[in-house]
């Protein structure tokens, strides 16, 4: 369990990860690299790497193939993270939108360092 004390920040967002059906990209054709990574930077840095959750808010899949999906946050830092989407086998994915949320300790604007 991650515990926080002091000011707590939450940032959230949404991101289209890809739209491969329009140009016969790898996710739609089912060949080539089957992983997409997108860097997501926070508007304001956290004091330490926050807890990040990622979920699929829209997917467009071929109904003739199996639906296999892995989505997660990797390389989380105080300033951002990577959204990672993977699929495998015969799965054909036309497009995906991901929603994310980061929760963590933030700077206290009322706390001053006096030298």
PDB file of N, CA and C in Angstrom:
ATOM      1  N   UNK A   1       0.835  -1.170   0.000  1.00  0.00           N
ATOM      2  CA  UNK A   1       0.000   0.000   0.000  1.00  0.00           C
ATOM      3  C   UNK A   1       0.886   1.242   0.000  1.00  0.00           C
ATOM      4  N   UNK A   2       0.534   2.189  -0.812  1.00  0.00           N
ATOM      5  CA  UNK A   2       1.252   3.455  -0.849  1.00  0.00           C
ATOM      6  C   UNK A   2       0.482   4.462   0.000  1.00  0.00           C
ATOM      7  N   UNK A   3       1.159   5.080   0.963  1.00  0.00           N
ATOM      8  CA  UNK A   3       0.512   6.042   1.851  1.00  0.00           C
ATOM      9  C   UNK A   3       1.012   7.447   1.524  1.00  0.00           C
ATOM     10  N   UNK A   4       0.107   8.408   1.629  1.00  0.00           N
ATOM     11  CA  UNK A   4       0.427   9.798   1.346  1.00  0.00           C
ATOM     12  C   UNK A   4       0.145  10.636   2.578  1.00  0.00           C
ATOM     13  N   UNK A   5       0.977  11.636   2.784  1.00  0.00           N
ATOM     14  CA  UNK A   5       0.697  12.614   3.826  1.00  0.00           C
ATOM     15  C   UNK A   5       0.901  13.990   3.214  1.00  0.00           C
ATOM     16  N   UNK A   6       0.146  14.940   3.685  1.00  0.00           N
ATOM     17  CA  UNK A   6       0.242  16.277   3.130  1.00  0.00           C
ATOM     18  C   UNK A   6      -0.607  16.419   1.870  1.00  0.00           C
ATOM     19  N   UNK A   7      -0.328  17.450   1.084  1.00  0.00           N
ATOM     20  CA  UNK A   7      -1.130  17.719  -0.122  1.00  0.00           C
ATOM     21  C   UNK A   7      -1.089  16.546  -1.107  1.00  0.00           C
ATOM     22  N   UNK A   8      -2.245  16.299  -1.679  1.00  0.00           N
ATOM     23  CA  UNK A   8      -2.463  15.154  -2.544  1.00  0.00           C
ATOM     24  C   UNK A   8      -3.001  15.660  -3.879  1.00  0.00           C
ATOM     25  N   UNK A   9      -2.439  15.177  -4.981  1.00  0.00           N
ATOM     26  CA  UNK A   9      -2.880  15.623  -6.299  1.00  0.00           C
ATOM     27  C   UNK A   9      -3.417  14.479  -7.135  1.00  0.00           C
ATOM     28  N   UNK A  10      -4.379  14.815  -7.980  1.00  0.00           N
ATOM     29  CA  UNK A  10      -4.946  13.861  -8.922  1.00  0.00           C
ATOM     30  C   UNK A  10      -4.956  14.530 -10.292  1.00  0.00           C
ATOM     31  N   UNK A  11      -4.423  13.822 -11.277  1.00  0.00           N
ATOM     32  CA  UNK A  11      -4.497  14.298 -12.659  1.00  0.00           C
ATOM     33  C   UNK A  11      -5.046  13.159 -13.495  1.00  0.00           C
ATOM     34  N   UNK A  12      -5.876  13.499 -14.461  1.00  0.00           N
ATOM     35  CA  UNK A  12      -6.443  12.478 -15.326  1.00  0.00           C
ATOM     36  C   UNK A  12      -6.463  12.974 -16.759  1.00  0.00           C
ATOM     37  N   UNK A  13      -6.569  12.030 -17.674  1.00  0.00           N
ATOM     38  CA  UNK A  13      -6.601  12.400 -19.080  1.00  0.00           C
ATOM     39  C   UNK A  13      -7.108  11.275 -19.953  1.00  0.00           C
ATOM     40  N   UNK A  14      -7.231  11.573 -21.218  1.00  0.00           N
ATOM     41  CA  UNK A  14      -7.667  10.599 -22.204  1.00  0.00           C
ATOM     42  C   UNK A  14      -6.779  10.723 -23.429  1.00  0.00           C
ATOM     43  N   UNK A  15      -6.561   9.626 -24.113  1.00  0.00           N
ATOM     44  CA  UNK A  15      -5.604   9.624 -25.212  1.00  0.00           C
ATOM     45  C   UNK A  15      -6.004   8.602 -26.267  1.00  0.00           C
ATOM     46  N   UNK A  16      -6.091   9.019 -27.526  1.00  0.00           N
ATOM     47  CA  UNK A  16      -6.246   8.070 -28.624  1.00  0.00           C
ATOM     48  C   UNK A  16      -4.873   7.437 -28.831  1.00  0.00           C
ATOM     49  N   UNK A  17      -4.778   6.120 -28.691  1.00  0.00           N
ATOM     50  CA  UNK A  17      -3.485   5.452 -28.825  1.00  0.00           C
ATOM     51  C   UNK A  17      -3.146   5.174 -30.283  1.00  0.00           C
ATOM     52  N   UNK A  18      -4.132   4.795 -31.062  1.00  0.00           N
ATOM     53  CA  UNK A  18      -3.906   4.573 -32.494  1.00  0.00           C
ATOM     54  C   UNK A  18      -5.251   4.416 -33.192  1.00  0.00           C
ATOM     55  N   UNK A  19      -5.216   4.561 -34.497  1.00  0.00           N
ATOM     56  CA  UNK A  19      -6.373   4.361 -35.362  1.00  0.00           C
ATOM     57  C   UNK A  19      -5.839   3.705 -36.627  1.00  0.00           C
ATOM     58  N   UNK A  20      -5.641   2.390 -36.567  1.00  0.00           N
ATOM     59  CA  UNK A  20      -4.917   1.661 -37.618  1.00  0.00           C
ATOM     60  C   UNK A  20      -5.764   1.205 -38.800  1.00  0.00           C
ATOM     61  N   UNK A  21      -7.085   1.194 -38.671  1.00  0.00           N
ATOM     62  CA  UNK A  21      -7.901   0.674 -39.771  1.00  0.00           C
ATOM     63  C   UNK A  21      -7.867   1.574 -41.002  1.00  0.00           C
ATOM     64  N   UNK A  22      -7.684   2.869 -40.821  1.00  0.00           N
ATOM     65  CA  UNK A  22      -7.714   3.817 -41.946  1.00  0.00           C
ATOM     66  C   UNK A  22      -6.522   3.645 -42.887  1.00  0.00           C
ATOM     67  N   UNK A  23      -5.389   3.157 -42.361  1.00  0.00           N
ATOM     68  CA  UNK A  23      -4.182   3.042 -43.188  1.00  0.00           C
ATOM     69  C   UNK A  23      -3.555   1.645 -43.111  1.00  0.00           C
ATOM     70  N   UNK A  24      -4.346   0.654 -42.747  1.00  0.00           N
ATOM     71  CA  UNK A  24      -3.870  -0.724 -42.661  1.00  0.00           C
ATOM     72  C   UNK A  24      -2.616  -0.859 -41.802  1.00  0.00           C
ATOM     73  N   UNK A  25      -2.659  -0.255 -40.624  1.00  0.00           N
ATOM     74  CA  UNK A  25      -1.540  -0.346 -39.687  1.00  0.00           C
ATOM     75  C   UNK A  25      -1.418  -1.740 -39.090  1.00  0.00           C
ATOM     76  N   UNK A  26      -0.349  -1.961 -38.351  1.00  0.00           N
ATOM     77  CA  UNK A  26      -0.008  -3.281 -37.802  1.00  0.00           C
ATOM     78  C   UNK A  26      -1.094  -3.850 -36.890  1.00  0.00           C
ATOM     79  N   UNK A  27      -1.742  -3.018 -36.096  1.00  0.00           N
ATOM     80  CA  UNK A  27      -2.775  -3.526 -35.192  1.00  0.00           C
ATOM     81  C   UNK A  27      -3.988  -4.041 -35.968  1.00  0.00           C
ATOM     82  N   UNK A  28      -4.279  -3.425 -37.105  1.00  0.00           N
ATOM     83  CA  UNK A  28      -5.441  -3.831 -37.896  1.00  0.00           C
ATOM     84  C   UNK A  28      -5.138  -5.013 -38.819  1.00  0.00           C
ATOM     85  N   UNK A  29      -3.959  -5.018 -39.408  1.00  0.00           N
ATOM     86  CA  UNK A  29      -3.624  -6.111 -40.319  1.00  0.00           C
ATOM     87  C   UNK A  29      -3.214  -7.368 -39.575  1.00  0.00           C
ATOM     88  N   UNK A  30      -2.800  -7.215 -38.323  1.00  0.00           N
ATOM     89  CA  UNK A  30      -2.396  -8.371 -37.531  1.00  0.00           C
ATOM     90  C   UNK A  30      -0.977  -8.819 -37.814  1.00  0.00           C
ATOM     91  N   UNK A  31      -0.162  -7.941 -38.390  1.00  0.00           N
ATOM     92  CA  UNK A  31       1.237  -8.281 -38.646  1.00  0.00           C
ATOM     93  C   UNK A  31       2.125  -7.123 -38.208  1.00  0.00           C
ATOM     94  N   UNK A  32       3.386  -7.418 -38.011  1.00  0.00           N
ATOM     95  CA  UNK A  32       4.320  -6.380 -37.573  1.00  0.00           C
ATOM     96  C   UNK A  32       4.267  -6.188 -36.072  1.00  0.00           C
ATOM     97  N   UNK A  33       4.854  -5.105 -35.570  1.00  0.00           N
ATOM     98  CA  UNK A  33       4.874  -4.853 -34.122  1.00  0.00           C
ATOM     99  C   UNK A  33       3.455  -4.753 -33.583  1.00  0.00           C
ATOM    100  N   UNK A  34       3.204  -5.414 -32.494  1.00  0.00           N
ATOM    101  CA  UNK A  34       1.858  -5.424 -31.922  1.00  0.00           C
ATOM    102  C   UNK A  34       1.852  -4.732 -30.569  1.00  0.00           C
ATOM    103  N   UNK A  35       2.703  -3.726 -30.420  1.00  0.00           N
ATOM    104  CA  UNK A  35       2.788  -2.954 -29.187  1.00  0.00           C
ATOM    105  C   UNK A  35       2.853  -1.479 -29.544  1.00  0.00           C
ATOM    106  N   UNK A  36       2.104  -0.674 -28.796  1.00  0.00           N
ATOM    107  CA  UNK A  36       2.125   0.778 -28.959  1.00  0.00           C
ATOM    108  C   UNK A  36       2.497   1.383 -27.618  1.00  0.00           C
ATOM    109  N   UNK A  37       3.453   2.315 -27.639  1.00  0.00           N
ATOM    110  CA  UNK A  37       3.859   3.048 -26.437  1.00  0.00           C
ATOM    111  C   UNK A  37       3.708   4.530 -26.714  1.00  0.00           C
ATOM    112  N   UNK A  38       3.056   5.232 -25.793  1.00  0.00           N
ATOM    113  CA  UNK A  38       2.927   6.683 -25.914  1.00  0.00           C
ATOM    114  C   UNK A  38       3.306   7.332 -24.597  1.00  0.00           C
ATOM    115  N   UNK A  39       4.180   8.313 -24.687  1.00  0.00           N
ATOM    116  CA  UNK A  39       4.599   9.061 -23.509  1.00  0.00           C
ATOM    117  C   UNK A  39       3.495  10.030 -23.117  1.00  0.00           C
ATOM    118  N   UNK A  40       3.174  10.057 -21.839  1.00  0.00           N
ATOM    119  CA  UNK A  40       2.197  10.991 -21.300  1.00  0.00           C
ATOM    120  C   UNK A  40       2.878  11.790 -20.198  1.00  0.00           C
ATOM    121  N   UNK A  41       2.993  13.086 -20.382  1.00  0.00           N
ATOM    122  CA  UNK A  41       3.599  13.954 -19.376  1.00  0.00           C
ATOM    123  C   UNK A  41       2.519  14.603 -18.524  1.00  0.00           C
ATOM    124  N   UNK A  42       2.818  14.802 -17.248  1.00  0.00           N
ATOM    125  CA  UNK A  42       1.892  15.469 -16.349  1.00  0.00           C
ATOM    126  C   UNK A  42       1.997  16.978 -16.546  1.00  0.00           C
ATOM    127  N   UNK A  43       0.896  17.681 -16.306  1.00  0.00           N
ATOM    128  CA  UNK A  43       0.907  19.147 -16.409  1.00  0.00           C
ATOM    129  C   UNK A  43       1.796  19.759 -15.331  1.00  0.00           C
ATOM    130  N   UNK A  44       1.830  19.096 -14.177  1.00  0.00           N
ATOM    131  CA  UNK A  44       2.651  19.548 -13.048  1.00  0.00           C
ATOM    132  C   UNK A  44       3.298  18.312 -12.428  1.00  0.00           C
ATOM    133  N   UNK A  45       4.551  18.417 -12.066  1.00  0.00           N
ATOM    134  CA  UNK A  45       5.261  17.259 -11.502  1.00  0.00           C
ATOM    135  C   UNK A  45       4.738  16.913 -10.111  1.00  0.00           C
ATOM    136  N   UNK A  46       4.709  15.635  -9.822  1.00  0.00           N
ATOM    137  CA  UNK A  46       4.419  15.144  -8.480  1.00  0.00           C
ATOM    138  C   UNK A  46       5.734  15.175  -7.693  1.00  0.00           C
ATOM    139  N   UNK A  47       5.675  15.007  -6.384  1.00  0.00           N
ATOM    140  CA  UNK A  47       6.893  14.984  -5.567  1.00  0.00           C
ATOM    141  C   UNK A  47       7.675  13.685  -5.766  1.00  0.00           C
ATOM    142  N   UNK A  48       6.979  12.619  -6.097  1.00  0.00           N
ATOM    143  CA  UNK A  48       7.568  11.296  -6.335  1.00  0.00           C
ATOM    144  C   UNK A  48       6.683  10.608  -7.377  1.00  0.00           C
ATOM    145  N   UNK A  49       7.130   9.493  -7.924  1.00  0.00           N
ATOM    146  CA  UNK A  49       6.274   8.797  -8.888  1.00  0.00           C
ATOM    147  C   UNK A  49       4.895   8.491  -8.279  1.00  0.00           C
ATOM    148  N   UNK A  50       3.829   8.919  -8.937  1.00  0.00           N
ATOM    149  CA  UNK A  50       2.484   8.676  -8.420  1.00  0.00           C
ATOM    150  C   UNK A  50       1.997   7.270  -8.760  1.00  0.00           C
ATOM    151  N   UNK A  51       0.858   6.921  -8.224  1.00  0.00           N
ATOM    152  CA  UNK A  51       0.157   5.700  -8.608  1.00  0.00           C
ATOM    153  C   UNK A  51      -0.619   6.047  -9.880  1.00  0.00           C
ATOM    154  N   UNK A  52      -0.462   5.235 -10.918  1.00  0.00           N
ATOM    155  CA  UNK A  52      -1.123   5.504 -12.200  1.00  0.00           C
ATOM    156  C   UNK A  52      -1.964   4.304 -12.599  1.00  0.00           C
ATOM    157  N   UNK A  53      -3.208   4.567 -12.984  1.00  0.00           N
ATOM    158  CA  UNK A  53      -4.066   3.532 -13.539  1.00  0.00           C
ATOM    159  C   UNK A  53      -4.392   3.894 -14.978  1.00  0.00           C
ATOM    160  N   UNK A  54      -4.518   2.879 -15.829  1.00  0.00           N
ATOM    161  CA  UNK A  54      -4.858   3.076 -17.235  1.00  0.00           C
ATOM    162  C   UNK A  54      -5.965   2.093 -17.582  1.00  0.00           C
ATOM    163  N   UNK A  55      -6.952   2.556 -18.316  1.00  0.00           N
ATOM    164  CA  UNK A  55      -8.039   1.691 -18.755  1.00  0.00           C
ATOM    165  C   UNK A  55      -8.456   2.032 -20.173  1.00  0.00           C
ATOM    166  N   UNK A  56      -9.135   1.121 -20.801  1.00  0.00           N
ATOM    167  CA  UNK A  56      -9.625   1.353 -22.160  1.00  0.00           C
ATOM    168  C   UNK A  56     -11.006   1.991 -22.073  1.00  0.00           C
ATOM    169  N   UNK A  57     -11.167   3.150 -22.710  1.00  0.00           N
ATOM    170  CA  UNK A  57     -12.462   3.831 -22.716  1.00  0.00           C
ATOM    171  C   UNK A  57     -13.176   3.673 -24.059  1.00  0.00           C
ATOM    172  N   UNK A  58     -12.456   3.209 -25.083  1.00  0.00           N
ATOM    173  CA  UNK A  58     -13.077   2.913 -26.370  1.00  0.00           C
ATOM    174  C   UNK A  58     -12.178   1.936 -27.101  1.00  0.00           C
ATOM    175  N   UNK A  59     -12.779   0.911 -27.674  1.00  0.00           N
ATOM    176  CA  UNK A  59     -12.027   0.012 -28.534  1.00  0.00           C
ATOM    177  C   UNK A  59     -12.906  -0.395 -29.696  1.00  0.00           C
ATOM    178  N   UNK A  60     -12.276  -0.593 -30.808  1.00  0.00           N
ATOM    179  CA  UNK A  60     -12.943  -0.998 -32.041  1.00  0.00           C
ATOM    180  C   UNK A  60     -12.185  -2.226 -32.519  1.00  0.00           C
ATOM    181  N   UNK A  61     -12.806  -3.397 -32.346  1.00  0.00           N
ATOM    182  CA  UNK A  61     -12.145  -4.677 -32.629  1.00  0.00           C
ATOM    183  C   UNK A  61     -12.875  -5.400 -33.758  1.00  0.00           C
ATOM    184  N   UNK A  62     -12.133  -6.215 -34.486  1.00  0.00           N
ATOM    185  CA  UNK A  62     -12.712  -7.088 -35.501  1.00  0.00           C
ATOM    186  C   UNK A  62     -13.479  -8.204 -34.790  1.00  0.00           C
ATOM    187  N   UNK A  63     -14.745  -8.392 -35.131  1.00  0.00           N
ATOM    188  CA  UNK A  63     -15.565  -9.411 -34.464  1.00  0.00           C
ATOM    189  C   UNK A  63     -15.245 -10.836 -34.928  1.00  0.00           C
ATOM    190  N   UNK A  64     -14.434 -10.977 -35.969  1.00  0.00           N
ATOM    191  CA  UNK A  64     -14.116 -12.299 -36.503  1.00  0.00           C
ATOM    192  C   UNK A  64     -12.892 -12.935 -35.838  1.00  0.00           C
ATOM    193  N   UNK A  65     -12.203 -12.178 -34.992  1.00  0.00           N
ATOM    194  CA  UNK A  65     -10.996 -12.693 -34.348  1.00  0.00           C
ATOM    195  C   UNK A  65     -11.136 -12.588 -32.830  1.00  0.00           C
ATOM    196  N   UNK A  66     -10.237 -13.251 -32.120  1.00  0.00           N
ATOM    197  CA  UNK A  66     -10.228 -13.185 -30.661  1.00  0.00           C
ATOM    198  C   UNK A  66      -9.802 -11.801 -30.197  1.00  0.00           C
ATOM    199  N   UNK A  67     -10.391 -11.347 -29.097  1.00  0.00           N
ATOM    200  CA  UNK A  67     -10.036 -10.050 -28.517  1.00  0.00           C
ATOM    201  C   UNK A  67      -9.035 -10.273 -27.394  1.00  0.00           C
ATOM    202  N   UNK A  68      -7.787  -9.887 -27.644  1.00  0.00           N
ATOM    203  CA  UNK A  68      -6.717 -10.018 -26.642  1.00  0.00           C
ATOM    204  C   UNK A  68      -6.104  -8.644 -26.434  1.00  0.00           C
ATOM    205  N   UNK A  69      -6.094  -8.189 -25.189  1.00  0.00           N
ATOM    206  CA  UNK A  69      -5.620  -6.840 -24.902  1.00  0.00           C
ATOM    207  C   UNK A  69      -4.848  -6.821 -23.596  1.00  0.00           C
ATOM    208  N   UNK A  70      -3.756  -6.075 -23.588  1.00  0.00           N
ATOM    209  CA  UNK A  70      -2.983  -5.805 -22.381  1.00  0.00           C
ATOM    210  C   UNK A  70      -2.693  -4.313 -22.403  1.00  0.00           C
ATOM    211  N   UNK A  71      -3.126  -3.581 -21.374  1.00  0.00           N
ATOM    212  CA  UNK A  71      -2.872  -2.134 -21.305  1.00  0.00           C
ATOM    213  C   UNK A  71      -2.384  -1.799 -19.897  1.00  0.00           C
ATOM    214  N   UNK A  72      -1.350  -0.974 -19.825  1.00  0.00           N
ATOM    215  CA  UNK A  72      -0.771  -0.646 -18.525  1.00  0.00           C
ATOM    216  C   UNK A  72       0.076   0.621 -18.602  1.00  0.00           C
ATOM    217  N   UNK A  73       0.476   1.092 -17.431  1.00  0.00           N
ATOM    218  CA  UNK A  73       1.401   2.219 -17.314  1.00  0.00           C
ATOM    219  C   UNK A  73       2.772   1.661 -16.964  1.00  0.00           C
ATOM    220  N   UNK A  74       3.795   2.092 -17.697  1.00  0.00           N
ATOM    221  CA  UNK A  74       5.167   1.681 -17.404  1.00  0.00           C
ATOM    222  C   UNK A  74       6.050   2.915 -17.300  1.00  0.00           C
ATOM    223  N   UNK A  75       7.215   2.730 -16.680  1.00  0.00           N
ATOM    224  CA  UNK A  75       8.219   3.789 -16.555  1.00  0.00           C
ATOM    225  C   UNK A  75       7.624   5.059 -15.935  1.00  0.00           C
ATOM    226  N   UNK A  76       6.900   4.881 -14.842  1.00  0.00           N
ATOM    227  CA  UNK A  76       6.268   6.008 -14.150  1.00  0.00           C
ATOM    228  C   UNK A  76       7.324   6.808 -13.403  1.00  0.00           C
ATOM    229  N   UNK A  77       7.335   8.114 -13.630  1.00  0.00           N
ATOM    230  CA  UNK A  77       8.210   9.043 -12.914  1.00  0.00           C
ATOM    231  C   UNK A  77       7.344  10.159 -12.338  1.00  0.00           C
ATOM    232  N   UNK A  78       7.950  11.086 -11.638  1.00  0.00           N
ATOM    233  CA  UNK A  78       7.218  12.225 -11.079  1.00  0.00           C
ATOM    234  C   UNK A  78       6.682  13.147 -12.168  1.00  0.00           C
ATOM    235  N   UNK A  79       7.224  13.050 -13.376  1.00  0.00           N
ATOM    236  CA  UNK A  79       6.819  13.958 -14.456  1.00  0.00           C
ATOM    237  C   UNK A  79       6.002  13.308 -15.564  1.00  0.00           C
ATOM    238  N   UNK A  80       5.875  11.969 -15.562  1.00  0.00           N
ATOM    239  CA  UNK A  80       5.092  11.322 -16.605  1.00  0.00           C
ATOM    240  C   UNK A  80       5.234   9.810 -16.599  1.00  0.00           C
ATOM    241  N   UNK A  81       4.703   9.173 -17.634  1.00  0.00           N
ATOM    242  CA  UNK A  81       4.727   7.716 -17.754  1.00  0.00           C
ATOM    243  C   UNK A  81       4.464   7.333 -19.208  1.00  0.00           C
ATOM    244  N   UNK A  82       4.613   6.041 -19.491  1.00  0.00           N
ATOM    245  CA  UNK A  82       4.283   5.518 -20.811  1.00  0.00           C
ATOM    246  C   UNK A  82       3.003   4.703 -20.727  1.00  0.00           C
ATOM    247  N   UNK A  83       2.074   4.961 -21.646  1.00  0.00           N
ATOM    248  CA  UNK A  83       0.905   4.109 -21.810  1.00  0.00           C
ATOM    249  C   UNK A  83       1.320   3.009 -22.782  1.00  0.00           C
ATOM    250  N   UNK A  84       1.149   1.759 -22.381  1.00  0.00           N
ATOM    251  CA  UNK A  84       1.561   0.625 -23.201  1.00  0.00           C
ATOM    252  C   UNK A  84       0.329  -0.221 -23.530  1.00  0.00           C
ATOM    253  N   UNK A  85       0.118  -0.447 -24.828  1.00  0.00           N
ATOM    254  CA  UNK A  85      -0.967  -1.302 -25.305  1.00  0.00           C
ATOM    255  C   UNK A  85      -0.353  -2.432 -26.113  1.00  0.00           C
ATOM    256  N   UNK A  86      -0.770  -3.675 -25.813  1.00  0.00           N
ATOM    257  CA  UNK A  86      -0.259  -4.839 -26.545  1.00  0.00           C
ATOM    258  C   UNK A  86      -1.419  -5.745 -26.930  1.00  0.00           C
ATOM    259  N   UNK A  87      -1.224  -6.441 -28.046  1.00  0.00           N
ATOM    260  CA  UNK A  87      -2.111  -7.516 -28.433  1.00  0.00           C
ATOM    261  C   UNK A  87      -1.285  -8.592 -29.113  1.00  0.00           C
ATOM    262  N   UNK A  88      -1.878  -9.740 -29.396  1.00  0.00           N
ATOM    263  CA  UNK A  88      -1.116 -10.851 -29.974  1.00  0.00           C
ATOM    264  C   UNK A  88      -2.076 -11.784 -30.705  1.00  0.00           C
ATOM    265  N   UNK A  89      -1.497 -12.789 -31.328  1.00  0.00           N
ATOM    266  CA  UNK A  89      -2.276 -13.793 -32.047  1.00  0.00           C
ATOM    267  C   UNK A  89      -3.009 -13.201 -33.234  1.00  0.00           C
ATOM    268  N   UNK A  90      -4.236 -13.649 -33.462  1.00  0.00           N
ATOM    269  CA  UNK A  90      -4.999 -13.197 -34.628  1.00  0.00           C
ATOM    270  C   UNK A  90      -5.826 -11.942 -34.364  1.00  0.00           C
ATOM    271  N   UNK A  91      -5.700 -11.345 -33.185  1.00  0.00           N
ATOM    272  CA  UNK A  91      -6.485 -10.167 -32.823  1.00  0.00           C
ATOM    273  C   UNK A  91      -6.246  -9.023 -33.803  1.00  0.00           C
ATOM    274  N   UNK A  92      -7.334  -8.392 -34.211  1.00  0.00           N
ATOM    275  CA  UNK A  92      -7.272  -7.219 -35.099  1.00  0.00           C
ATOM    276  C   UNK A  92      -7.956  -6.059 -34.400  1.00  0.00           C
ATOM    277  N   UNK A  93      -7.185  -4.998 -34.163  1.00  0.00           N
ATOM    278  CA  UNK A  93      -7.688  -3.831 -33.441  1.00  0.00           C
ATOM    279  C   UNK A  93      -7.680  -2.641 -34.383  1.00  0.00           C
ATOM    280  N   UNK A  94      -8.844  -2.034 -34.576  1.00  0.00           N
ATOM    281  CA  UNK A  94      -8.939  -0.869 -35.458  1.00  0.00           C
ATOM    282  C   UNK A  94      -8.461   0.397 -34.752  1.00  0.00           C
ATOM    283  N   UNK A  95      -8.940   0.597 -33.515  1.00  0.00           N
ATOM    284  CA  UNK A  95      -8.543   1.797 -32.767  1.00  0.00           C
ATOM    285  C   UNK A  95      -8.814   1.607 -31.289  1.00  0.00           C
ATOM    286  N   UNK A  96      -8.075   2.390 -30.492  1.00  0.00           N
ATOM    287  CA  UNK A  96      -8.193   2.317 -29.032  1.00  0.00           C
ATOM    288  C   UNK A  96      -8.014   3.711 -28.446  1.00  0.00           C
ATOM    289  N   UNK A  97      -8.850   4.012 -27.453  1.00  0.00           N
ATOM    290  CA  UNK A  97      -8.680   5.233 -26.653  1.00  0.00           C
ATOM    291  C   UNK A  97      -8.495   4.782 -25.212  1.00  0.00           C
ATOM    292  N   UNK A  98      -7.522   5.363 -24.536  1.00  0.00           N
ATOM    293  CA  UNK A  98      -7.232   5.020 -23.142  1.00  0.00           C
ATOM    294  C   UNK A  98      -7.499   6.222 -22.242  1.00  0.00           C
ATOM    295  N   UNK A  99      -8.047   5.955 -21.071  1.00  0.00           N
ATOM    296  CA  UNK A  99      -8.189   6.959 -20.021  1.00  0.00           C
ATOM    297  C   UNK A  99      -7.214   6.599 -18.908  1.00  0.00           C
ATOM    298  N   UNK A 100      -6.656   7.598 -18.254  1.00  0.00           N
ATOM    299  CA  UNK A 100      -5.678   7.350 -17.200  1.00  0.00           C
ATOM    300  C   UNK A 100      -5.918   8.301 -16.030  1.00  0.00           C
ATOM    301  N   UNK A 101      -5.405   7.894 -14.866  1.00  0.00           N
ATOM    302  CA  UNK A 101      -5.473   8.730 -13.671  1.00  0.00           C
ATOM    303  C   UNK A 101      -4.197   8.524 -12.864  1.00  0.00           C
ATOM    304  N   UNK A 102      -3.632   9.627 -12.395  1.00  0.00           N
ATOM    305  CA  UNK A 102      -2.434   9.597 -11.553  1.00  0.00           C
ATOM    306  C   UNK A 102      -2.781  10.226 -10.204  1.00  0.00           C
ATOM    307  N   UNK A 103      -2.350   9.567  -9.125  1.00  0.00           N
ATOM    308  CA  UNK A 103      -2.619  10.032  -7.770  1.00  0.00           C
ATOM    309  C   UNK A 103      -1.319  10.031  -6.988  1.00  0.00           C
ATOM    310  N   UNK A 104      -1.010  11.158  -6.350  1.00  0.00           N
ATOM    311  CA  UNK A 104       0.219  11.204  -5.590  1.00  0.00           C
ATOM    312  C   UNK A 104       0.425  12.486  -4.820  1.00  0.00           C
ATOM    313  N   UNK A 105       1.517  12.513  -4.083  1.00  0.00           N
ATOM    314  CA  UNK A 105       1.869  13.683  -3.279  1.00  0.00           C
ATOM    315  C   UNK A 105       2.328  14.820  -4.187  1.00  0.00           C
ATOM    316  N   UNK A 106       1.909  16.030  -3.844  1.00  0.00           N
ATOM    317  CA  UNK A 106       2.285  17.227  -4.610  1.00  0.00           C
ATOM    318  C   UNK A 106       2.837  18.293  -3.664  1.00  0.00           C
ATOM    319  N   UNK A 107       3.456  19.290  -4.253  1.00  0.00           N
ATOM    320  CA  UNK A 107       4.047  20.390  -3.490  1.00  0.00           C
ATOM    321  C   UNK A 107       2.959  21.165  -2.756  1.00  0.00           C
ATOM    322  N   UNK A 108       3.259  21.531  -1.533  1.00  0.00           N
ATOM    323  CA  UNK A 108       2.358  22.346  -0.732  1.00  0.00           C
ATOM    324  C   UNK A 108       2.673  23.810  -1.005  1.00  0.00           C
ATOM    325  N   UNK A 109       1.768  24.514  -1.666  1.00  0.00           N
ATOM    326  CA  UNK A 109       2.002  25.925  -2.006  1.00  0.00           C
ATOM    327  C   UNK A 109       2.089  26.819  -0.770  1.00  0.00           C
ATOM    328  N   UNK A 110       1.558  26.346   0.355  1.00  0.00           N
ATOM    329  CA  UNK A 110       1.610  27.138   1.590  1.00  0.00           C
ATOM    330  C   UNK A 110       2.881  26.886   2.406  1.00  0.00           C
ATOM    331  N   UNK A 111       3.699  25.930   1.982  1.00  0.00           N
ATOM    332  CA  UNK A 111       4.934  25.623   2.702  1.00  0.00           C
ATOM    333  C   UNK A 111       6.071  26.385   2.042  1.00  0.00           C
ATOM    334  N   UNK A 112       6.749  27.203   2.811  1.00  0.00           N
ATOM    335  CA  UNK A 112       7.820  28.048   2.294  1.00  0.00           C
ATOM    336  C   UNK A 112       9.148  27.605   2.866  1.00  0.00           C
ATOM    337  N   UNK A 113      10.186  27.657   2.029  1.00  0.00           N
ATOM    338  CA  UNK A 113      11.546  27.444   2.495  1.00  0.00           C
ATOM    339  C   UNK A 113      12.181  28.809   2.676  1.00  0.00           C
ATOM    340  N   UNK A 114      12.503  29.153   3.911  1.00  0.00           N
ATOM    341  CA  UNK A 114      13.118  30.460   4.210  1.00  0.00           C
ATOM    342  C   UNK A 114      14.591  30.203   4.502  1.00  0.00           C
ATOM    343  N   UNK A 115      15.428  30.887   3.770  1.00  0.00           N
ATOM    344  CA  UNK A 115      16.875  30.699   3.936  1.00  0.00           C
ATOM    345  C   UNK A 115      17.439  31.825   4.759  1.00  0.00           C
TER     346      UNK A 115
END
